[in-house]
């Protein structure tokens, strides 16, 4: 995977795009409840909890997590 498209400003950074839990769930073809359960169990993609309690995901974090779930089949 290429370097994530992030805006860098000194030591601070900002993800290129944030998506809601519903959008992340649709991308992963899971329910928002499944992502909520994964978050409670410290599984699944990295997420951010905003001051109002809303949960958002960086698109590159979701894609990176999904890529890490890839399993190569054994040779026959």
C-alpha atoms as a PDB file:
ATOM      1  CA  UNK A   1       0.000   0.000   0.000  1.00  0.00           C
ATOM      2  CA  UNK A   2       1.272   3.451  -0.848  1.00  0.00           C
ATOM      3  CA  UNK A   3       1.895   6.161   1.710  1.00  0.00           C
ATOM      4  CA  UNK A   4      -1.518   7.385   2.980  1.00  0.00           C
ATOM      5  CA  UNK A   5      -2.694  10.696   1.579  1.00  0.00           C
ATOM      6  CA  UNK A   6      -2.478  12.846   4.702  1.00  0.00           C
ATOM      7  CA  UNK A   7      -1.932  16.526   5.251  1.00  0.00           C
ATOM      8  CA  UNK A   8       1.201  17.069   7.305  1.00  0.00           C
ATOM      9  CA  UNK A   9       1.847  20.216   9.292  1.00  0.00           C
ATOM     10  CA  UNK A  10       4.941  19.847  11.457  1.00  0.00           C
ATOM     11  CA  UNK A  11       4.262  16.990  13.888  1.00  0.00           C
ATOM     12  CA  UNK A  12       0.465  17.146  13.489  1.00  0.00           C
ATOM     13  CA  UNK A  13      -1.401  15.256  10.796  1.00  0.00           C
ATOM     14  CA  UNK A  14      -4.903  14.951   9.517  1.00  0.00           C
ATOM     15  CA  UNK A  15      -6.450  11.996   7.667  1.00  0.00           C
ATOM     16  CA  UNK A  16      -7.375  12.753   4.075  1.00  0.00           C
ATOM     17  CA  UNK A  17     -11.038  11.772   4.546  1.00  0.00           C
ATOM     18  CA  UNK A  18     -13.187  10.793   7.522  1.00  0.00           C
ATOM     19  CA  UNK A  19     -16.247   8.587   7.169  1.00  0.00           C
ATOM     20  CA  UNK A  20     -19.038   7.712   9.583  1.00  0.00           C
ATOM     21  CA  UNK A  21     -19.489   4.315  11.173  1.00  0.00           C
ATOM     22  CA  UNK A  22     -22.381   3.660   8.774  1.00  0.00           C
ATOM     23  CA  UNK A  23     -20.154   4.458   5.788  1.00  0.00           C
ATOM     24  CA  UNK A  24     -17.298   2.309   7.121  1.00  0.00           C
ATOM     25  CA  UNK A  25     -19.725  -0.554   7.725  1.00  0.00           C
ATOM     26  CA  UNK A  26     -21.046  -0.298   4.171  1.00  0.00           C
ATOM     27  CA  UNK A  27     -17.471  -0.280   2.819  1.00  0.00           C
ATOM     28  CA  UNK A  28     -16.682  -3.454   4.808  1.00  0.00           C
ATOM     29  CA  UNK A  29     -20.098  -5.002   4.066  1.00  0.00           C
ATOM     30  CA  UNK A  30     -20.896  -5.337   7.750  1.00  0.00           C
ATOM     31  CA  UNK A  31     -23.495  -3.722   9.967  1.00  0.00           C
ATOM     32  CA  UNK A  32     -22.744  -0.604  12.023  1.00  0.00           C
ATOM     33  CA  UNK A  33     -23.515  -2.736  15.081  1.00  0.00           C
ATOM     34  CA  UNK A  34     -20.743  -5.147  14.132  1.00  0.00           C
ATOM     35  CA  UNK A  35     -18.262  -2.260  13.963  1.00  0.00           C
ATOM     36  CA  UNK A  36     -19.522  -1.015  17.343  1.00  0.00           C
ATOM     37  CA  UNK A  37     -18.996  -4.499  18.813  1.00  0.00           C
ATOM     38  CA  UNK A  38     -15.507  -4.694  17.304  1.00  0.00           C
ATOM     39  CA  UNK A  39     -14.667  -1.293  18.785  1.00  0.00           C
ATOM     40  CA  UNK A  40     -15.859  -2.402  22.237  1.00  0.00           C
ATOM     41  CA  UNK A  41     -13.653  -5.503  21.925  1.00  0.00           C
ATOM     42  CA  UNK A  42     -10.683  -3.451  20.617  1.00  0.00           C
ATOM     43  CA  UNK A  43     -10.919  -5.224  17.256  1.00  0.00           C
ATOM     44  CA  UNK A  44     -11.484  -3.852  13.791  1.00  0.00           C
ATOM     45  CA  UNK A  45     -10.164  -0.709  12.175  1.00  0.00           C
ATOM     46  CA  UNK A  46      -8.768   2.253  14.082  1.00  0.00           C
ATOM     47  CA  UNK A  47     -11.428   4.869  14.811  1.00  0.00           C
ATOM     48  CA  UNK A  48     -11.728   8.340  16.302  1.00  0.00           C
ATOM     49  CA  UNK A  49     -14.276   9.407  18.897  1.00  0.00           C
ATOM     50  CA  UNK A  50     -15.156  13.072  18.528  1.00  0.00           C
ATOM     51  CA  UNK A  51     -16.053  15.400  21.389  1.00  0.00           C
ATOM     52  CA  UNK A  52     -19.772  14.876  20.825  1.00  0.00           C
ATOM     53  CA  UNK A  53     -19.304  11.082  20.981  1.00  0.00           C
ATOM     54  CA  UNK A  54     -19.580  10.537  17.236  1.00  0.00           C
ATOM     55  CA  UNK A  55     -17.304   7.817  15.869  1.00  0.00           C
ATOM     56  CA  UNK A  56     -15.490   8.369  12.578  1.00  0.00           C
ATOM     57  CA  UNK A  57     -12.924   6.387  10.621  1.00  0.00           C
ATOM     58  CA  UNK A  58     -10.127   7.515   8.320  1.00  0.00           C
ATOM     59  CA  UNK A  59     -10.588   5.898   4.910  1.00  0.00           C
ATOM     60  CA  UNK A  60      -6.908   4.904   4.785  1.00  0.00           C
ATOM     61  CA  UNK A  61      -7.157   3.210   8.224  1.00  0.00           C
ATOM     62  CA  UNK A  62     -10.140   1.119   7.109  1.00  0.00           C
ATOM     63  CA  UNK A  63      -8.381   0.146   3.873  1.00  0.00           C
ATOM     64  CA  UNK A  64      -5.161  -0.698   5.747  1.00  0.00           C
ATOM     65  CA  UNK A  65      -7.044  -2.828   8.288  1.00  0.00           C
ATOM     66  CA  UNK A  66      -8.876  -4.670   5.527  1.00  0.00           C
ATOM     67  CA  UNK A  67      -5.599  -5.324   3.711  1.00  0.00           C
ATOM     68  CA  UNK A  68      -4.141  -6.799   6.927  1.00  0.00           C
ATOM     69  CA  UNK A  69      -7.029  -9.306   7.017  1.00  0.00           C
ATOM     70  CA  UNK A  70      -5.933 -10.811   3.695  1.00  0.00           C
ATOM     71  CA  UNK A  71      -5.185 -14.535   3.881  1.00  0.00           C
ATOM     72  CA  UNK A  72      -3.136 -16.231   1.193  1.00  0.00           C
ATOM     73  CA  UNK A  73      -4.256 -19.805   0.502  1.00  0.00           C
ATOM     74  CA  UNK A  74      -1.741 -22.586   0.835  1.00  0.00           C
ATOM     75  CA  UNK A  75      -0.396 -24.280  -2.268  1.00  0.00           C
ATOM     76  CA  UNK A  76      -2.160 -27.526  -3.087  1.00  0.00           C
END
